[in-house]
PDB file of all heavy atoms in Angstrom:
ATOM      1  N   ILE A   1       5.800  -2.930   0.292  1.00  0.00           N
ATOM      2  CA  ILE A   1       5.777  -1.484   0.477  1.00  0.00           C
ATOM      3  C   ILE A   1       5.563  -1.205   1.956  1.00  0.00           C
ATOM      4  O   ILE A   1       4.598  -1.685   2.552  1.00  0.00           O
ATOM      5  CB  ILE A   1       4.649  -0.842  -0.355  1.00  0.00           C
ATOM      6  CG1 ILE A   1       4.862  -1.161  -1.839  1.00  0.00           C
ATOM      7  CG2 ILE A   1       4.585   0.658  -0.114  1.00  0.00           C
ATOM      8  CD1 ILE A   1       3.659  -0.929  -2.695  1.00  0.00           C
ATOM      9  N   ILE A   2       6.473  -0.452   2.531  1.00  0.00           N
ATOM     10  CA  ILE A   2       6.376  -0.098   3.942  1.00  0.00           C
ATOM     11  C   ILE A   2       5.806   1.311   4.023  1.00  0.00           C
ATOM     12  O   ILE A   2       6.400   2.253   3.513  1.00  0.00           O
ATOM     13  CB  ILE A   2       7.750  -0.173   4.634  1.00  0.00           C
ATOM     14  CG1 ILE A   2       8.283  -1.595   4.537  1.00  0.00           C
ATOM     15  CG2 ILE A   2       7.653   0.291   6.077  1.00  0.00           C
ATOM     16  CD1 ILE A   2       9.702  -1.755   4.999  1.00  0.00           C
ATOM     17  N   GLY A   3       4.645   1.404   4.642  1.00  0.00           N
ATOM     18  CA  GLY A   3       3.959   2.682   4.766  1.00  0.00           C
ATOM     19  C   GLY A   3       2.768   2.726   3.835  1.00  0.00           C
ATOM     20  O   GLY A   3       2.908   2.594   2.625  1.00  0.00           O
ATOM     21  N   ALA A   4       1.570   2.873   4.414  1.00  0.00           N
ATOM     22  CA  ALA A   4       0.338   2.854   3.628  1.00  0.00           C
ATOM     23  C   ALA A   4      -0.281   4.243   3.533  1.00  0.00           C
ATOM     24  O   ALA A   4      -1.486   4.383   3.361  1.00  0.00           O
ATOM     25  CB  ALA A   4      -0.649   1.872   4.255  1.00  0.00           C
ATOM     26  N   GLY A   5       0.560   5.263   3.641  1.00  0.00           N
ATOM     27  CA  GLY A   5       0.068   6.632   3.498  1.00  0.00           C
ATOM     28  C   GLY A   5      -0.185   6.959   2.040  1.00  0.00           C
ATOM     29  O   GLY A   5      -0.337   6.074   1.198  1.00  0.00           O
ATOM     30  N   VAL A   6      -0.233   8.223   1.723  1.00  0.00           N
ATOM     31  CA  VAL A   6      -0.550   8.671   0.363  1.00  0.00           C
ATOM     32  C   VAL A   6       0.395   8.053  -0.660  1.00  0.00           C
ATOM     33  O   VAL A   6      -0.045   7.500  -1.672  1.00  0.00           O
ATOM     34  CB  VAL A   6      -0.497  10.218   0.279  1.00  0.00           C
ATOM     35  CG1 VAL A   6      -0.653  10.690  -1.146  1.00  0.00           C
ATOM     36  CG2 VAL A   6      -1.555  10.834   1.173  1.00  0.00           C
ATOM     37  N   MET A   7       1.675   8.121  -0.418  1.00  0.00           N
ATOM     38  CA  MET A   7       2.637   7.607  -1.385  1.00  0.00           C
ATOM     39  C   MET A   7       2.606   6.082  -1.447  1.00  0.00           C
ATOM     40  O   MET A   7       2.607   5.503  -2.532  1.00  0.00           O
ATOM     41  CB  MET A   7       4.039   8.099  -1.059  1.00  0.00           C
ATOM     42  CG  MET A   7       5.051   7.768  -2.104  1.00  0.00           C
ATOM     43  SD  MET A   7       6.566   8.670  -1.774  1.00  0.00           S
ATOM     44  CE  MET A   7       7.402   8.435  -3.307  1.00  0.00           C
ATOM     45  N   GLY A   8       2.569   5.428  -0.293  1.00  0.00           N
ATOM     46  CA  GLY A   8       2.570   3.972  -0.263  1.00  0.00           C
ATOM     47  C   GLY A   8       1.376   3.365  -0.970  1.00  0.00           C
ATOM     48  O   GLY A   8       1.510   2.417  -1.737  1.00  0.00           O
ATOM     49  N   LYS A   9       0.188   3.923  -0.731  1.00  0.00           N
ATOM     50  CA  LYS A   9      -0.991   3.363  -1.392  1.00  0.00           C
ATOM     51  C   LYS A   9      -0.970   3.645  -2.890  1.00  0.00           C
ATOM     52  O   LYS A   9      -1.425   2.829  -3.682  1.00  0.00           O
ATOM     53  CB  LYS A   9      -2.282   3.836  -0.741  1.00  0.00           C
ATOM     54  CG  LYS A   9      -2.621   5.256  -0.920  1.00  0.00           C
ATOM     55  CD  LYS A   9      -3.892   5.590  -0.142  1.00  0.00           C
ATOM     56  CE  LYS A   9      -4.114   7.092  -0.136  1.00  0.00           C
ATOM     57  NZ  LYS A   9      -5.119   7.491   0.803  1.00  0.00           N
ATOM     58  N   GLY A  10      -0.398   4.766  -3.299  1.00  0.00           N
ATOM     59  CA  GLY A  10      -0.256   5.057  -4.732  1.00  0.00           C
ATOM     60  C   GLY A  10       0.687   4.077  -5.409  1.00  0.00           C
ATOM     61  O   GLY A  10       0.404   3.574  -6.498  1.00  0.00           O
ATOM     62  N   VAL A  11       1.796   3.791  -4.763  1.00  0.00           N
ATOM     63  CA  VAL A  11       2.765   2.830  -5.301  1.00  0.00           C
ATOM     64  C   VAL A  11       2.131   1.439  -5.359  1.00  0.00           C
ATOM     65  O   VAL A  11       2.277   0.725  -6.353  1.00  0.00           O
ATOM     66  CB  VAL A  11       4.052   2.825  -4.448  1.00  0.00           C
ATOM     67  CG1 VAL A  11       4.977   1.694  -4.846  1.00  0.00           C
ATOM     68  CG2 VAL A  11       4.771   4.163  -4.556  1.00  0.00           C
ATOM     69  N   ALA A  12       1.413   1.062  -4.301  1.00  0.00           N
ATOM     70  CA  ALA A  12       0.760  -0.251  -4.259  1.00  0.00           C
ATOM     71  C   ALA A  12      -0.237  -0.405  -5.399  1.00  0.00           C
ATOM     72  O   ALA A  12      -0.272  -1.434  -6.082  1.00  0.00           O
ATOM     73  CB  ALA A  12       0.057  -0.439  -2.912  1.00  0.00           C
ATOM     74  N   GLU A  13      -1.049   0.614  -5.610  1.00  0.00           N
ATOM     75  CA  GLU A  13      -2.042   0.535  -6.682  1.00  0.00           C
ATOM     76  C   GLU A  13      -1.374   0.447  -8.050  1.00  0.00           C
ATOM     77  O   GLU A  13      -1.779  -0.344  -8.900  1.00  0.00           O
ATOM     78  CB  GLU A  13      -2.963   1.752  -6.627  1.00  0.00           C
ATOM     79  CG  GLU A  13      -4.064   1.672  -7.641  1.00  0.00           C
ATOM     80  CD  GLU A  13      -5.049   2.818  -7.546  1.00  0.00           C
ATOM     81  OE1 GLU A  13      -5.099   3.487  -6.499  1.00  0.00           O
ATOM     82  OE2 GLU A  13      -5.776   3.025  -8.536  1.00  0.00           O
ATOM     83  N   ARG A  14      -0.345   1.223  -8.248  1.00  0.00           N
ATOM     84  CA  ARG A  14       0.347   1.232  -9.550  1.00  0.00           C
ATOM     85  C   ARG A  14       0.980  -0.128  -9.848  1.00  0.00           C
ATOM     86  O   ARG A  14       0.826  -0.657 -10.944  1.00  0.00           O
ATOM     87  CB  ARG A  14       1.405   2.325  -9.563  1.00  0.00           C
ATOM     88  CG  ARG A  14       2.259   2.365 -10.816  1.00  0.00           C
ATOM     89  CD  ARG A  14       1.474   2.717 -12.035  1.00  0.00           C
ATOM     90  NE  ARG A  14       1.201   4.132 -12.001  1.00  0.00           N
ATOM     91  CZ  ARG A  14       0.576   4.781 -12.967  1.00  0.00           C
ATOM     92  NH1 ARG A  14       0.172   4.152 -14.029  1.00  0.00           N
ATOM     93  NH2 ARG A  14       0.349   6.062 -12.857  1.00  0.00           N
ATOM     94  N   PHE A  15       1.693  -0.695  -8.886  1.00  0.00           N
ATOM     95  CA  PHE A  15       2.324  -1.984  -9.119  1.00  0.00           C
ATOM     96  C   PHE A  15       1.294  -3.098  -9.287  1.00  0.00           C
ATOM     97  O   PHE A  15       1.501  -4.021 -10.079  1.00  0.00           O
ATOM     98  CB  PHE A  15       3.317  -2.326  -8.008  1.00  0.00           C
ATOM     99  CG  PHE A  15       4.680  -1.753  -8.250  1.00  0.00           C
ATOM    100  CD1 PHE A  15       5.032  -0.511  -7.738  1.00  0.00           C
ATOM    101  CD2 PHE A  15       5.621  -2.448  -8.988  1.00  0.00           C
ATOM    102  CE1 PHE A  15       6.294   0.020  -7.967  1.00  0.00           C
ATOM    103  CE2 PHE A  15       6.886  -1.927  -9.230  1.00  0.00           C
ATOM    104  CZ  PHE A  15       7.227  -0.682  -8.715  1.00  0.00           C
ATOM    105  N   SER A  16       0.174  -3.022  -8.578  1.00  0.00           N
ATOM    106  CA  SER A  16      -0.855  -4.050  -8.743  1.00  0.00           C
ATOM    107  C   SER A  16      -1.439  -4.001 -10.146  1.00  0.00           C
ATOM    108  O   SER A  16      -1.785  -5.033 -10.719  1.00  0.00           O
ATOM    109  CB  SER A  16      -1.967  -3.904  -7.702  1.00  0.00           C
ATOM    110  OG  SER A  16      -2.772  -2.789  -7.952  1.00  0.00           O
ATOM    111  N   LYS A  17      -1.511  -2.812 -10.709  1.00  0.00           N
ATOM    112  CA  LYS A  17      -2.010  -2.650 -12.084  1.00  0.00           C
ATOM    113  C   LYS A  17      -1.131  -3.417 -13.075  1.00  0.00           C
ATOM    114  O   LYS A  17      -1.614  -3.918 -14.083  1.00  0.00           O
ATOM    115  CB  LYS A  17      -2.026  -1.168 -12.434  1.00  0.00           C
ATOM    116  CG  LYS A  17      -2.452  -0.870 -13.846  1.00  0.00           C
ATOM    117  CD  LYS A  17      -2.417   0.617 -14.131  1.00  0.00           C
ATOM    118  CE  LYS A  17      -2.757   0.890 -15.579  1.00  0.00           C
ATOM    119  NZ  LYS A  17      -2.665   2.309 -15.910  1.00  0.00           N
ATOM    120  N   TYR A  18       0.149  -3.522 -12.779  1.00  0.00           N
ATOM    121  CA  TYR A  18       1.084  -4.204 -13.672  1.00  0.00           C
ATOM    122  C   TYR A  18       1.342  -5.650 -13.270  1.00  0.00           C
ATOM    123  O   TYR A  18       2.320  -6.258 -13.705  1.00  0.00           O
ATOM    124  CB  TYR A  18       2.384  -3.412 -13.766  1.00  0.00           C
ATOM    125  CG  TYR A  18       2.172  -2.106 -14.492  1.00  0.00           C
ATOM    126  CD1 TYR A  18       2.112  -0.909 -13.804  1.00  0.00           C
ATOM    127  CD2 TYR A  18       1.977  -2.082 -15.867  1.00  0.00           C
ATOM    128  CE1 TYR A  18       1.879   0.288 -14.462  1.00  0.00           C
ATOM    129  CE2 TYR A  18       1.750  -0.901 -16.539  1.00  0.00           C
ATOM    130  CZ  TYR A  18       1.700   0.281 -15.829  1.00  0.00           C
ATOM    131  OH  TYR A  18       1.462   1.465 -16.499  1.00  0.00           O
ATOM    132  N   GLY A  19       0.458  -6.214 -12.430  1.00  0.00           N
ATOM    133  CA  GLY A  19       0.491  -7.643 -12.159  1.00  0.00           C
ATOM    134  C   GLY A  19       1.373  -8.108 -11.013  1.00  0.00           C
ATOM    135  O   GLY A  19       1.633  -9.291 -10.880  1.00  0.00           O
ATOM    136  N   TYR A  20       1.827  -7.209 -10.175  1.00  0.00           N
ATOM    137  CA  TYR A  20       2.655  -7.588  -9.026  1.00  0.00           C
ATOM    138  C   TYR A  20       1.796  -8.004  -7.841  1.00  0.00           C
ATOM    139  O   TYR A  20       0.707  -7.456  -7.637  1.00  0.00           O
ATOM    140  CB  TYR A  20       3.537  -6.417  -8.581  1.00  0.00           C
ATOM    141  CG  TYR A  20       4.723  -6.180  -9.464  1.00  0.00           C
ATOM    142  CD1 TYR A  20       4.590  -5.483 -10.657  1.00  0.00           C
ATOM    143  CD2 TYR A  20       5.977  -6.646  -9.110  1.00  0.00           C
ATOM    144  CE1 TYR A  20       5.680  -5.256 -11.480  1.00  0.00           C
ATOM    145  CE2 TYR A  20       7.080  -6.416  -9.915  1.00  0.00           C
ATOM    146  CZ  TYR A  20       6.920  -5.730 -11.105  1.00  0.00           C
ATOM    147  OH  TYR A  20       8.003  -5.507 -11.900  1.00  0.00           O
ATOM    148  N   ASP A  21       2.271  -8.973  -7.064  1.00  0.00           N
ATOM    149  CA  ASP A  21       1.708  -9.240  -5.740  1.00  0.00           C
ATOM    150  C   ASP A  21       2.169  -8.092  -4.853  1.00  0.00           C
ATOM    151  O   ASP A  21       3.343  -7.720  -4.880  1.00  0.00           O
ATOM    152  CB  ASP A  21       2.253 -10.543  -5.140  1.00  0.00           C
ATOM    153  CG  ASP A  21       1.749 -11.784  -5.821  1.00  0.00           C
ATOM    154  OD1 ASP A  21       0.715 -11.713  -6.499  1.00  0.00           O
ATOM    155  OD2 ASP A  21       2.391 -12.824  -5.664  1.00  0.00           O
ATOM    156  N   ILE A  22       1.263  -7.547  -4.080  1.00  0.00           N
ATOM    157  CA  ILE A  22       1.585  -6.404  -3.229  1.00  0.00           C
ATOM    158  C   ILE A  22       1.476  -6.807  -1.771  1.00  0.00           C
ATOM    159  O   ILE A  22       0.467  -7.355  -1.347  1.00  0.00           O
ATOM    160  CB  ILE A  22       0.616  -5.234  -3.487  1.00  0.00           C
ATOM    161  CG1 ILE A  22       0.585  -4.841  -4.973  1.00  0.00           C
ATOM    162  CG2 ILE A  22       0.960  -4.046  -2.603  1.00  0.00           C
ATOM    163  CD1 ILE A  22       1.914  -4.390  -5.522  1.00  0.00           C
ATOM    164  N   VAL A  23       2.530  -6.528  -1.012  1.00  0.00           N
ATOM    165  CA  VAL A  23       2.494  -6.672   0.440  1.00  0.00           C
ATOM    166  C   VAL A  23       2.643  -5.267   0.994  1.00  0.00           C
ATOM    167  O   VAL A  23       3.694  -4.641   0.862  1.00  0.00           O
ATOM    168  CB  VAL A  23       3.622  -7.594   0.952  1.00  0.00           C
ATOM    169  CG1 VAL A  23       3.570  -7.697   2.470  1.00  0.00           C
ATOM    170  CG2 VAL A  23       3.532  -8.965   0.311  1.00  0.00           C
ATOM    171  N   LEU A  24       1.558  -4.761   1.559  1.00  0.00           N
ATOM    172  CA  LEU A  24       1.529  -3.400   2.086  1.00  0.00           C
ATOM    173  C   LEU A  24       1.592  -3.475   3.609  1.00  0.00           C
ATOM    174  O   LEU A  24       0.805  -4.176   4.238  1.00  0.00           O
ATOM    175  CB  LEU A  24       0.237  -2.710   1.626  1.00  0.00           C
ATOM    176  CG  LEU A  24       0.062  -1.233   1.935  1.00  0.00           C
ATOM    177  CD1 LEU A  24       1.207  -0.409   1.340  1.00  0.00           C
ATOM    178  CD2 LEU A  24      -1.277  -0.751   1.386  1.00  0.00           C
ATOM    179  N   ILE A  25       2.553  -2.766   4.197  1.00  0.00           N
ATOM    180  CA  ILE A  25       2.794  -2.835   5.636  1.00  0.00           C
ATOM    181  C   ILE A  25       2.717  -1.433   6.239  1.00  0.00           C
ATOM    182  O   ILE A  25       3.259  -0.482   5.674  1.00  0.00           O
ATOM    183  CB  ILE A  25       4.186  -3.442   5.924  1.00  0.00           C
ATOM    184  CG1 ILE A  25       4.268  -4.855   5.361  1.00  0.00           C
ATOM    185  CG2 ILE A  25       4.503  -3.424   7.414  1.00  0.00           C
ATOM    186  CD1 ILE A  25       5.664  -5.429   5.364  1.00  0.00           C
ATOM    187  N   ASP A  26       2.033  -1.338   7.372  1.00  0.00           N
ATOM    188  CA  ASP A  26       2.002  -0.082   8.121  1.00  0.00           C
ATOM    189  C   ASP A  26       1.829  -0.413   9.598  1.00  0.00           C
ATOM    190  O   ASP A  26       1.169  -1.400   9.925  1.00  0.00           O
ATOM    191  CB  ASP A  26       0.849   0.804   7.634  1.00  0.00           C
ATOM    192  CG  ASP A  26       1.057   2.265   8.014  1.00  0.00           C
ATOM    193  OD1 ASP A  26       0.947   2.569   9.222  1.00  0.00           O
ATOM    194  OD2 ASP A  26       1.344   3.077   7.130  1.00  0.00           O
ATOM    195  N   ASN A  27       2.416   0.376  10.473  1.00  0.00           N
ATOM    196  CA  ASN A  27       2.292   0.100  11.899  1.00  0.00           C
ATOM    197  C   ASN A  27       0.987   0.637  12.488  1.00  0.00           C
ATOM    198  O   ASN A  27       0.659   0.375  13.638  1.00  0.00           O
ATOM    199  CB  ASN A  27       3.495   0.624  12.690  1.00  0.00           C
ATOM    200  CG  ASN A  27       3.665   2.114  12.560  1.00  0.00           C
ATOM    201  OD1 ASN A  27       2.946   2.761  11.828  1.00  0.00           O
ATOM    202  ND2 ASN A  27       4.642   2.641  13.263  1.00  0.00           N
ATOM    203  N   ASN A  28       0.218   1.369  11.714  1.00  0.00           N
ATOM    204  CA  ASN A  28      -1.067   1.894  12.148  1.00  0.00           C
ATOM    205  C   ASN A  28      -2.164   1.157  11.378  1.00  0.00           C
ATOM    206  O   ASN A  28      -2.315   1.338  10.169  1.00  0.00           O
ATOM    207  CB  ASN A  28      -1.127   3.396  11.872  1.00  0.00           C
ATOM    208  CG  ASN A  28      -2.389   4.033  12.387  1.00  0.00           C
ATOM    209  OD1 ASN A  28      -3.455   3.442  12.382  1.00  0.00           O
ATOM    210  ND2 ASN A  28      -2.259   5.280  12.821  1.00  0.00           N
ATOM    211  N   SER A  29      -2.916   0.310  12.058  1.00  0.00           N
ATOM    212  CA  SER A  29      -3.921  -0.510  11.380  1.00  0.00           C
ATOM    213  C   SER A  29      -5.027   0.335  10.755  1.00  0.00           C
ATOM    214  O   SER A  29      -5.588  -0.041   9.724  1.00  0.00           O
ATOM    215  CB  SER A  29      -4.517  -1.542  12.334  1.00  0.00           C
ATOM    216  OG  SER A  29      -5.128  -0.919  13.429  1.00  0.00           O
ATOM    217  N   GLU A  30      -5.331   1.486  11.326  1.00  0.00           N
ATOM    218  CA  GLU A  30      -6.356   2.356  10.739  1.00  0.00           C
ATOM    219  C   GLU A  30      -5.894   2.900   9.386  1.00  0.00           C
ATOM    220  O   GLU A  30      -6.649   2.923   8.413  1.00  0.00           O
ATOM    221  CB  GLU A  30      -6.680   3.512  11.683  1.00  0.00           C
ATOM    222  CG  GLU A  30      -7.802   4.398  11.192  1.00  0.00           C
ATOM    223  CD  GLU A  30      -8.153   5.495  12.183  1.00  0.00           C
ATOM    224  OE1 GLU A  30      -7.800   5.386  13.372  1.00  0.00           O
ATOM    225  OE2 GLU A  30      -8.800   6.467  11.753  1.00  0.00           O
ATOM    226  N   VAL A  31      -4.649   3.338   9.309  1.00  0.00           N
ATOM    227  CA  VAL A  31      -4.083   3.833   8.052  1.00  0.00           C
ATOM    228  C   VAL A  31      -4.059   2.713   7.023  1.00  0.00           C
ATOM    229  O   VAL A  31      -4.424   2.914   5.859  1.00  0.00           O
ATOM    230  CB  VAL A  31      -2.662   4.406   8.277  1.00  0.00           C
ATOM    231  CG1 VAL A  31      -1.975   4.713   6.957  1.00  0.00           C
ATOM    232  CG2 VAL A  31      -2.728   5.659   9.148  1.00  0.00           C
ATOM    233  N   LEU A  32      -3.652   1.520   7.444  1.00  0.00           N
ATOM    234  CA  LEU A  32      -3.586   0.372   6.548  1.00  0.00           C
ATOM    235  C   LEU A  32      -4.974   0.024   6.011  1.00  0.00           C
ATOM    236  O   LEU A  32      -5.156  -0.161   4.804  1.00  0.00           O
ATOM    237  CB  LEU A  32      -2.964  -0.830   7.264  1.00  0.00           C
ATOM    238  CG  LEU A  32      -2.772  -2.095   6.448  1.00  0.00           C
ATOM    239  CD1 LEU A  32      -1.853  -1.841   5.263  1.00  0.00           C
ATOM    240  CD2 LEU A  32      -2.203  -3.195   7.336  1.00  0.00           C
ATOM    241  N   ASN A  33      -5.968  -0.046   6.893  1.00  0.00           N
ATOM    242  CA  ASN A  33      -7.329  -0.372   6.460  1.00  0.00           C
ATOM    243  C   ASN A  33      -7.899   0.684   5.523  1.00  0.00           C
ATOM    244  O   ASN A  33      -8.576   0.352   4.544  1.00  0.00           O
ATOM    245  CB  ASN A  33      -8.246  -0.562   7.667  1.00  0.00           C
ATOM    246  CG  ASN A  33      -7.913  -1.812   8.440  1.00  0.00           C
ATOM    247  OD1 ASN A  33      -7.406  -2.778   7.889  1.00  0.00           O
ATOM    248  ND2 ASN A  33      -8.189  -1.802   9.730  1.00  0.00           N
ATOM    249  N   ASN A  34      -7.623   1.954   5.804  1.00  0.00           N
ATOM    250  CA  ASN A  34      -8.076   3.029   4.910  1.00  0.00           C
ATOM    251  C   ASN A  34      -7.427   2.910   3.536  1.00  0.00           C
ATOM    252  O   ASN A  34      -8.085   3.103   2.518  1.00  0.00           O
ATOM    253  CB  ASN A  34      -7.795   4.405   5.507  1.00  0.00           C
ATOM    254  CG  ASN A  34      -8.709   4.739   6.650  1.00  0.00           C
ATOM    255  OD1 ASN A  34      -9.795   4.182   6.788  1.00  0.00           O
ATOM    256  ND2 ASN A  34      -8.276   5.660   7.496  1.00  0.00           N
ATOM    257  N   ALA A  35      -6.139   2.602   3.512  1.00  0.00           N
ATOM    258  CA  ALA A  35      -5.434   2.448   2.242  1.00  0.00           C
ATOM    259  C   ALA A  35      -6.022   1.301   1.434  1.00  0.00           C
ATOM    260  O   ALA A  35      -6.251   1.436   0.228  1.00  0.00           O
ATOM    261  CB  ALA A  35      -3.938   2.224   2.484  1.00  0.00           C
TER     262      ALA A  35
END
């Protein structure tokens, strides 16, 4: 998932719930860490 904003973190959480490995990428480390 490219982008750890509101939508990206929601998608990441949803897919992790269903057993997927998640690779979350963002060019802003603060946004990524918050997500």
